[in-house]
Structures are given as structure tokens and as C-alpha cells.
Amino acid sequence: MTRLGDLERAVMDVLWDSVPATSDGVTVREVADALDGRELAYTTVMTVLDRLAGKGMVQRQREGRAWRYRAAASREAHIAQLMLDALDLGGSRDAALVRFARSVTGTEAEVLRTALGAEAGLTGQPLTDRVEDPRAGRPRRTDEATGR
């Protein structure tokens, strides 16, 4: 998954924060207006949205002569994919996960414990064998030997 630049992130924040998943999306003008603290040309916002569509980050639908845009996935799915991509950067996935688990706060650790317990209870198999692929919206199997 591609990391987002500052302006791309600001545009995605507008889509994630102000466009319900059931919505038909927003126009370039509506996004530009929501970026009220920035002096951006309409064409700049249009270009950013076009590039985000090319990256698969946003979906667009033609409405007359204009396009309506909405996020292709939730903010949480995007962040989860960034975390999975970081684990694929090399080295030991297990060591990176252990380091991460040791760095979270007590509250965050409890959230992870609850999620792991719920996942194992729902599927009858440990979460270590299942990783949700946010792009596909479904779990993918991992190789037990490599964890990938």
C-alpha cells in the first residue's frame, strides 16, 4: 500500500471524516471547501483525488460532468494494511510483533487480548493462522512456517 503525502492525507481525512460509507460521495468542490485552512486551487484538489483514485484509495462515480468521490476503505483498514506492509519490510515478523506488543499501553494490550480472544472463539482457530486482508475484505491464510 502506498503511503500518503501530506495533501493526500488531508484529502483522505476529509473523506473518512465527513463521508458516510452509505453516501454517494462528495464532489471536488465539497472536498476543497472542507480543506478550508488551505489555499488550494480547485484543480489541485481535483488532481489529488484523481491520483488517489489511481492508487485505489478512493472510488469515484460519474454524476453528470462531475465525479463524486468516497474512500475505498475505512481509515482503520488503511492503517491495518500499513502495519501489515511494515511487517513485510524484512527481518523477523515475529520479532517485530513481539516488539510492538511490548510497546503498547495497558489499555491497548487489553484491546489486542480481547480481539485475539474473540477471533479465536469465532473461528475455532488461533488468530496467528489468520490475517485479515483489508484490501480484499476477507481473511487470508498465512504460511505457518513464515507467518506470511
C-alpha atoms as a PDB file:
ATOM      1  CA  MET A   1       0.000   0.000   0.000  1.00  0.00           C
ATOM      2  CA  THR A   2       1.277   3.430  -0.855  1.00  0.00           C
ATOM      3  CA  ARG A   3       1.993   5.854   1.933  1.00  0.00           C
ATOM      4  CA  LEU A   4       0.155   9.127   1.601  1.00  0.00           C
ATOM      5  CA  GLY A   5       1.708  12.558   1.227  1.00  0.00           C
ATOM      6  CA  ASP A   6       0.522  15.453   3.416  1.00  0.00           C
ATOM      7  CA  LEU A   7      -2.078  16.755   0.968  1.00  0.00           C
ATOM      8  CA  GLU A   8      -3.279  13.266   0.073  1.00  0.00           C
ATOM      9  CA  ARG A   9      -3.692  12.529   3.778  1.00  0.00           C
ATOM     10  CA  ALA A  10      -5.656  15.762   4.302  1.00  0.00           C
ATOM     11  CA  VAL A  11      -7.983  14.840   1.426  1.00  0.00           C
ATOM     12  CA  MET A  12      -8.428  11.304   2.764  1.00  0.00           C
ATOM     13  CA  ASP A  13      -9.180  12.731   6.222  1.00  0.00           C
ATOM     14  CA  VAL A  14     -11.994  14.771   4.650  1.00  0.00           C
ATOM     15  CA  LEU A  15     -13.389  11.640   3.013  1.00  0.00           C
ATOM     16  CA  TRP A  16     -13.006   9.475   6.127  1.00  0.00           C
ATOM     17  CA  ASP A  17     -14.405  12.117   8.497  1.00  0.00           C
ATOM     18  CA  SER A  18     -17.256  13.595   6.501  1.00  0.00           C
ATOM     19  CA  VAL A  19     -18.491  10.999   4.018  1.00  0.00           C
ATOM     20  CA  PRO A  20     -20.619   8.154   5.417  1.00  0.00           C
ATOM     21  CA  ALA A  21     -19.963   4.734   3.854  1.00  0.00           C
ATOM     22  CA  THR A  22     -23.550   4.711   2.572  1.00  0.00           C
ATOM     23  CA  SER A  23     -23.113   8.075   0.849  1.00  0.00           C
ATOM     24  CA  ASP A  24     -22.780   8.613  -2.878  1.00  0.00           C
ATOM     25  CA  GLY A  25     -19.613  10.574  -2.126  1.00  0.00           C
ATOM     26  CA  VAL A  26     -18.575  14.190  -2.444  1.00  0.00           C
ATOM     27  CA  THR A  27     -17.530  16.457  -5.274  1.00  0.00           C
ATOM     28  CA  VAL A  28     -14.150  18.092  -5.751  1.00  0.00           C
ATOM     29  CA  ARG A  29     -15.687  21.410  -4.678  1.00  0.00           C
ATOM     30  CA  GLU A  30     -17.000  19.902  -1.438  1.00  0.00           C
ATOM     31  CA  VAL A  31     -13.564  18.466  -0.633  1.00  0.00           C
ATOM     32  CA  ALA A  32     -11.885  21.789  -1.461  1.00  0.00           C
ATOM     33  CA  ASP A  33     -14.345  23.636   0.786  1.00  0.00           C
ATOM     34  CA  ALA A  34     -13.674  21.174   3.632  1.00  0.00           C
ATOM     35  CA  LEU A  35      -9.942  21.920   3.350  1.00  0.00           C
ATOM     36  CA  ASP A  36     -10.753  25.450   4.481  1.00  0.00           C
ATOM     37  CA  GLY A  37      -7.427  26.199   6.174  1.00  0.00           C
ATOM     38  CA  ARG A  38      -5.504  25.724   2.937  1.00  0.00           C
ATOM     39  CA  GLU A  39      -5.379  27.960  -0.092  1.00  0.00           C
ATOM     40  CA  LEU A  40      -5.732  25.266  -2.730  1.00  0.00           C
ATOM     41  CA  ALA A  41      -6.869  25.639  -6.292  1.00  0.00           C
ATOM     42  CA  TYR A  42      -9.837  23.550  -7.383  1.00  0.00           C
ATOM     43  CA  THR A  43      -7.611  21.861  -9.978  1.00  0.00           C
ATOM     44  CA  THR A  44      -5.087  20.887  -7.287  1.00  0.00           C
ATOM     45  CA  VAL A  45      -7.757  19.096  -5.274  1.00  0.00           C
ATOM     46  CA  MET A  46      -9.073  17.501  -8.460  1.00  0.00           C
ATOM     47  CA  THR A  47      -5.574  16.227  -9.316  1.00  0.00           C
ATOM     48  CA  VAL A  48      -5.068  14.802  -5.819  1.00  0.00           C
ATOM     49  CA  LEU A  49      -8.416  12.990  -5.957  1.00  0.00           C
ATOM     50  CA  ASP A  50      -7.593  11.656  -9.430  1.00  0.00           C
ATOM     51  CA  ARG A  51      -4.243  10.334  -8.194  1.00  0.00           C
ATOM     52  CA  LEU A  52      -5.868   8.771  -5.133  1.00  0.00           C
ATOM     53  CA  ALA A  53      -8.354   7.057  -7.451  1.00  0.00           C
ATOM     54  CA  GLY A  54      -5.431   5.750  -9.498  1.00  0.00           C
ATOM     55  CA  LYS A  55      -3.861   4.359  -6.320  1.00  0.00           C
ATOM     56  CA  GLY A  56      -7.122   2.633  -5.409  1.00  0.00           C
ATOM     57  CA  MET A  57      -7.598   4.765  -2.293  1.00  0.00           C
ATOM     58  CA  VAL A  58     -10.827   6.384  -3.484  1.00  0.00           C
ATOM     59  CA  GLN A  59     -13.722   5.285  -5.610  1.00  0.00           C
ATOM     60  CA  ARG A  60     -15.351   7.692  -7.984  1.00  0.00           C
ATOM     61  CA  GLN A  61     -18.623   7.726  -9.797  1.00  0.00           C
ATOM     62  CA  ARG A  62     -19.656   9.985 -12.645  1.00  0.00           C
ATOM     63  CA  GLU A  63     -22.512  12.362 -11.923  1.00  0.00           C
ATOM     64  CA  GLY A  64     -23.248  14.444 -14.988  1.00  0.00           C
ATOM     65  CA  ARG A  65     -19.982  16.155 -15.928  1.00  0.00           C
ATOM     66  CA  ALA A  66     -18.526  15.835 -12.435  1.00  0.00           C
ATOM     67  CA  TRP A  67     -17.218  12.967 -10.314  1.00  0.00           C
ATOM     68  CA  ARG A  68     -18.290  12.010  -6.807  1.00  0.00           C
ATOM     69  CA  TYR A  69     -15.576  10.574  -4.576  1.00  0.00           C
ATOM     70  CA  ARG A  70     -15.526   8.423  -1.459  1.00  0.00           C
ATOM     71  CA  ALA A  71     -12.890   6.401   0.380  1.00  0.00           C
ATOM     72  CA  ALA A  72     -12.414   2.887  -0.982  1.00  0.00           C
ATOM     73  CA  ALA A  73     -11.720   1.546   2.523  1.00  0.00           C
ATOM     74  CA  SER A  74     -12.026   2.781   6.076  1.00  0.00           C
ATOM     75  CA  ARG A  75      -9.243   4.623   7.884  1.00  0.00           C
ATOM     76  CA  GLU A  76      -8.838   1.565  10.131  1.00  0.00           C
ATOM     77  CA  ALA A  77      -8.432  -0.765   7.137  1.00  0.00           C
ATOM     78  CA  HIS A  78      -5.816   1.586   5.675  1.00  0.00           C
ATOM     79  CA  ILE A  79      -3.851   1.708   8.932  1.00  0.00           C
ATOM     80  CA  ALA A  80      -4.068  -2.070   9.343  1.00  0.00           C
ATOM     81  CA  GLN A  81      -2.671  -2.520   5.835  1.00  0.00           C
ATOM     82  CA  LEU A  82       0.178  -0.103   6.591  1.00  0.00           C
ATOM     83  CA  MET A  83       1.007  -2.197   9.648  1.00  0.00           C
ATOM     84  CA  LEU A  84       0.962  -5.416   7.603  1.00  0.00           C
ATOM     85  CA  ASP A  85       3.156  -3.801   4.950  1.00  0.00           C
ATOM     86  CA  ALA A  86       5.615  -2.726   7.645  1.00  0.00           C
ATOM     87  CA  LEU A  87       5.848  -6.327   8.835  1.00  0.00           C
ATOM     88  CA  ASP A  88       6.771  -7.338   5.282  1.00  0.00           C
ATOM     89  CA  LEU A  89       9.769  -4.977   5.180  1.00  0.00           C
ATOM     90  CA  GLY A  90      12.116  -7.749   6.152  1.00  0.00           C
ATOM     91  CA  GLY A  91      13.673  -9.316   9.153  1.00  0.00           C
ATOM     92  CA  SER A  92      11.672 -11.365  11.573  1.00  0.00           C
ATOM     93  CA  ARG A  93       7.947 -10.766  11.542  1.00  0.00           C
ATOM     94  CA  ASP A  94       7.692 -12.482  14.915  1.00  0.00           C
ATOM     95  CA  ALA A  95      10.359 -10.233  16.457  1.00  0.00           C
ATOM     96  CA  ALA A  96       8.615  -7.129  15.108  1.00  0.00           C
ATOM     97  CA  LEU A  97       5.266  -8.282  16.510  1.00  0.00           C
ATOM     98  CA  VAL A  98       6.794  -9.012  19.913  1.00  0.00           C
ATOM     99  CA  ARG A  99       8.478  -5.606  19.958  1.00  0.00           C
ATOM    100  CA  PHE A 100       5.194  -3.953  19.024  1.00  0.00           C
ATOM    101  CA  ALA A 101       3.242  -5.890  21.661  1.00  0.00           C
ATOM    102  CA  ARG A 102       5.738  -4.820  24.320  1.00  0.00           C
ATOM    103  CA  SER A 103       5.435  -1.171  23.318  1.00  0.00           C
ATOM    104  CA  VAL A 104       1.665  -0.784  23.633  1.00  0.00           C
ATOM    105  CA  THR A 105      -0.047   0.645  26.702  1.00  0.00           C
ATOM    106  CA  GLY A 106      -2.011  -1.499  29.116  1.00  0.00           C
ATOM    107  CA  THR A 107      -5.299  -0.391  27.587  1.00  0.00           C
ATOM    108  CA  GLU A 108      -4.055  -1.130  24.052  1.00  0.00           C
ATOM    109  CA  ALA A 109      -2.798  -4.543  25.193  1.00  0.00           C
ATOM    110  CA  GLU A 110      -6.258  -5.307  26.588  1.00  0.00           C
ATOM    111  CA  VAL A 111      -7.841  -4.355  23.255  1.00  0.00           C
ATOM    112  CA  LEU A 112      -5.455  -6.748  21.498  1.00  0.00           C
ATOM    113  CA  ARG A 113      -6.184  -9.540  24.013  1.00  0.00           C
ATOM    114  CA  THR A 114      -9.922  -9.064  23.528  1.00  0.00           C
ATOM    115  CA  ALA A 115      -9.591  -9.075  19.734  1.00  0.00           C
ATOM    116  CA  LEU A 116      -7.405 -12.180  19.763  1.00  0.00           C
ATOM    117  CA  GLY A 117      -9.780 -13.970  22.111  1.00  0.00           C
ATOM    118  CA  ALA A 118     -12.831 -13.028  20.064  1.00  0.00           C
ATOM    119  CA  GLU A 119     -11.156 -14.083  16.811  1.00  0.00           C
ATOM    120  CA  ALA A 120     -10.087 -17.453  18.194  1.00  0.00           C
ATOM    121  CA  GLY A 121     -13.562 -18.018  19.638  1.00  0.00           C
ATOM    122  CA  LEU A 122     -15.379 -17.142  16.411  1.00  0.00           C
ATOM    123  CA  THR A 123     -13.257 -19.199  14.053  1.00  0.00           C
ATOM    124  CA  GLY A 124     -12.154 -22.073  16.241  1.00  0.00           C
ATOM    125  CA  GLN A 125      -8.551 -21.442  15.221  1.00  0.00           C
ATOM    126  CA  PRO A 126      -5.894 -19.162  16.615  1.00  0.00           C
ATOM    127  CA  LEU A 127      -5.536 -15.715  15.093  1.00  0.00           C
ATOM    128  CA  THR A 128      -1.882 -16.477  14.328  1.00  0.00           C
ATOM    129  CA  ASP A 129      -3.107 -18.556  11.388  1.00  0.00           C
ATOM    130  CA  ARG A 130      -5.378 -15.819  10.070  1.00  0.00           C
ATOM    131  CA  VAL A 131      -4.618 -12.297   8.949  1.00  0.00           C
ATOM    132  CA  GLU A 132      -7.375 -10.056   7.650  1.00  0.00           C
ATOM    133  CA  ASP A 133      -6.516  -8.578   4.281  1.00  0.00           C
ATOM    134  CA  PRO A 134      -8.308  -5.168   4.305  1.00  0.00           C
ATOM    135  CA  ARG A 135      -7.987  -4.826   0.538  1.00  0.00           C
ATOM    136  CA  ALA A 136      -9.958  -7.988  -0.072  1.00  0.00           C
ATOM    137  CA  GLY A 137     -12.244  -7.593   2.935  1.00  0.00           C
ATOM    138  CA  ARG A 138     -11.695 -11.223   3.903  1.00  0.00           C
ATOM    139  CA  PRO A 139      -9.190 -13.260   5.902  1.00  0.00           C
ATOM    140  CA  ARG A 140      -6.241 -14.781   4.122  1.00  0.00           C
ATOM    141  CA  ARG A 141      -4.370 -17.855   5.291  1.00  0.00           C
ATOM    142  CA  THR A 142      -0.797 -17.469   6.331  1.00  0.00           C
ATOM    143  CA  ASP A 143       2.041 -19.928   5.951  1.00  0.00           C
ATOM    144  CA  GLU A 144       2.739 -21.299   9.438  1.00  0.00           C
ATOM    145  CA  ALA A 145       6.457 -21.621   8.729  1.00  0.00           C
ATOM    146  CA  THR A 146       6.997 -17.993   7.709  1.00  0.00           C
ATOM    147  CA  GLY A 147       3.974 -16.283   9.219  1.00  0.00           C
ATOM    148  CA  ARG A 148       3.175 -14.722   5.839  1.00  0.00           C
END
